[in-house]
Amino acid sequence: EVQLVESGGGSVQAGGSLRLSCAASGFAVNDGGLAWYRQGPGNECVLVSTIDNDGTVYYADFVEGRFNISRDTAANTVYLQMIRLKPEDTSMYYCAAERTGTFFGGGDCATLANGFDSWGQGTLVTVSS
């Protein structure tokens, strides 16, 4: 069974930084794709960033160079380093694992959660102005 456990969320002021972690079990972080999603209005989730098994990374346009996704194969953990945070980055952030490495740009969070190999419980990021 694949399990993902996110951590690292918290409350920061605008301009601050956070590093989110996604610890995986039952899934090697270099054996497939991992992604970070965040929840928008309603129950819609939007793709933030991905890292493929070959290390190729993707960022949504709204990241604007402020986030960096990386992985530690020894710790079997994927990270999302976020800097210059904005109030609009406030959201629940979810980690997703998918062996095919194919991730949708967004959709209903529950539908996405059921479609991937695994979906974490989320970590809350709050950015105050």
Protein backbone atom coordinates (compact mmCIF):
# COMPACT_ATOMS: atom_id res chain seq x y z
CA GLU A 1 0.00 0.00 0.00
CA VAL A 2 1.31 3.42 -0.94
CA GLN A 3 1.12 6.03 1.79
CA LEU A 4 2.05 9.69 1.70
CA VAL A 5 2.43 11.88 4.78
CA GLU A 6 2.74 15.63 4.34
CA SER A 7 4.21 18.01 6.88
CA GLY A 8 5.75 21.45 7.08
CA GLY A 9 2.69 23.64 6.72
CA GLY A 10 2.13 26.56 9.02
CA SER A 11 1.35 30.26 9.32
CA VAL A 12 3.73 32.84 7.93
CA GLN A 13 3.61 36.46 6.90
CA ALA A 14 3.70 37.52 3.28
CA GLY A 15 7.23 37.26 1.94
CA GLY A 16 8.05 34.37 4.24
CA SER A 17 9.12 30.83 3.42
CA LEU A 18 8.03 27.30 4.17
CA ARG A 19 9.27 23.87 3.18
CA LEU A 20 6.67 21.17 2.75
CA SER A 21 7.65 17.52 3.02
CA CYS A 22 5.96 14.44 1.60
CA ALA A 23 7.26 11.20 3.08
CA ALA A 24 6.40 8.15 0.99
CA SER A 25 6.11 4.49 1.88
CA GLY A 26 5.35 1.66 -0.49
CA PHE A 27 6.49 3.88 -3.37
CA ALA A 28 10.03 4.90 -4.28
CA VAL A 29 10.13 8.62 -5.01
CA ASN A 30 12.41 8.01 -8.01
CA ASP A 31 10.25 5.21 -9.39
CA GLY A 32 7.34 7.29 -10.61
CA GLY A 33 5.96 10.78 -10.44
CA LEU A 34 5.05 12.89 -7.43
CA ALA A 35 3.07 16.07 -7.40
CA TRP A 36 1.87 18.84 -5.15
CA TYR A 37 -1.69 20.09 -5.49
CA ARG A 38 -3.45 22.81 -3.57
CA GLN A 39 -7.11 23.32 -2.90
CA GLY A 40 -8.86 26.33 -4.31
CA PRO A 41 -12.44 27.54 -3.89
CA GLY A 42 -14.92 24.80 -3.25
CA ASN A 43 -13.45 21.36 -3.58
CA GLU A 44 -11.29 22.09 -6.60
CA CYS A 45 -7.59 21.24 -6.53
CA VAL A 46 -5.01 22.76 -8.83
CA LEU A 47 -1.64 21.32 -9.76
CA VAL A 48 1.28 23.24 -8.26
CA SER A 49 4.37 21.22 -9.18
CA THR A 50 5.53 17.77 -10.26
CA ILE A 51 8.75 15.78 -10.37
CA ASP A 52 9.13 12.78 -12.68
CA ASN A 53 11.16 9.63 -12.14
CA ASP A 54 13.93 11.11 -14.31
CA GLY A 55 13.95 14.32 -12.29
CA THR A 56 12.06 16.47 -14.77
CA VAL A 57 10.13 19.13 -12.92
CA TYR A 58 7.06 21.22 -13.73
CA TYR A 59 5.65 24.32 -12.09
CA ALA A 60 2.33 26.03 -12.57
CA ASP A 61 2.50 29.55 -13.98
CA PHE A 62 1.35 31.10 -10.72
CA VAL A 63 4.48 29.78 -8.98
CA GLU A 64 6.50 32.46 -10.81
CA GLY A 65 9.86 31.01 -9.79
CA ARG A 66 9.07 31.08 -6.07
CA PHE A 67 8.81 27.32 -5.42
CA ASN A 68 11.32 24.51 -5.84
CA ILE A 69 10.45 20.81 -5.87
CA SER A 70 13.12 18.28 -4.97
CA ARG A 71 13.49 14.74 -3.65
CA ASP A 72 15.72 12.83 -1.29
CA THR A 73 15.84 9.20 -2.36
CA ALA A 74 17.54 8.11 0.86
CA ALA A 75 14.72 9.61 2.92
CA ASN A 76 12.16 8.67 0.25
CA THR A 77 10.73 12.15 0.61
CA VAL A 78 9.74 14.91 -1.78
CA TYR A 79 9.97 18.55 -0.76
CA LEU A 80 8.37 21.77 -1.90
CA GLN A 81 10.44 24.78 -0.88
CA MET A 82 8.31 27.91 -1.07
CA ILE A 83 9.70 31.42 -0.80
CA ARG A 84 8.22 34.92 -1.21
CA LEU A 85 4.88 33.55 -0.14
CA LYS A 86 1.76 35.54 -0.92
CA PRO A 87 -1.63 35.59 0.82
CA GLU A 88 -3.09 33.91 -2.26
CA ASP A 89 -0.82 30.90 -1.59
CA THR A 90 -2.97 30.17 1.46
CA SER A 91 -4.38 26.70 0.94
CA MET A 92 -4.33 23.07 1.91
CA TYR A 93 -1.47 21.43 0.04
CA TYR A 94 -1.67 17.77 -0.95
CA CYS A 95 0.98 15.35 -2.17
CA ALA A 96 0.10 12.79 -4.85
CA ALA A 97 1.98 9.77 -6.19
CA GLU A 98 1.41 8.17 -9.57
CA ARG A 99 3.65 5.50 -11.12
CA THR A 100 2.77 6.60 -14.66
CA GLY A 101 3.89 10.13 -13.85
CA THR A 102 0.75 11.56 -15.42
CA PHE A 103 -0.97 14.27 -13.42
CA PHE A 104 -4.00 16.34 -14.33
CA GLY A 105 -3.86 20.11 -14.15
CA GLY A 106 -6.71 20.18 -11.70
CA GLY A 107 -10.16 18.99 -10.82
CA ASP A 108 -12.36 17.88 -8.00
CA CYS A 109 -10.06 17.01 -5.11
CA ALA A 110 -11.90 13.82 -4.20
CA THR A 111 -11.86 12.61 -7.80
CA LEU A 112 -8.14 13.31 -8.10
CA ALA A 113 -7.48 11.58 -4.79
CA ASN A 114 -9.20 8.44 -6.02
CA GLY A 115 -7.46 8.49 -9.38
CA PHE A 116 -3.84 8.43 -8.30
CA ASP A 117 -1.84 5.67 -6.65
CA SER A 118 -1.88 7.67 -3.45
CA TRP A 119 -2.99 11.02 -2.04
CA GLY A 120 -1.88 12.45 1.27
CA GLN A 121 -3.91 13.95 4.07
CA GLY A 122 -2.74 17.49 3.34
CA THR A 123 -0.85 20.20 5.18
CA LEU A 124 -2.25 23.69 5.71
CA VAL A 125 -0.37 26.79 4.60
CA THR A 126 -1.62 30.16 5.80
CA VAL A 127 -0.01 33.37 4.58
CA SER A 128 -1.08 36.62 6.21
CA SER A 129 -0.66 40.05 4.68
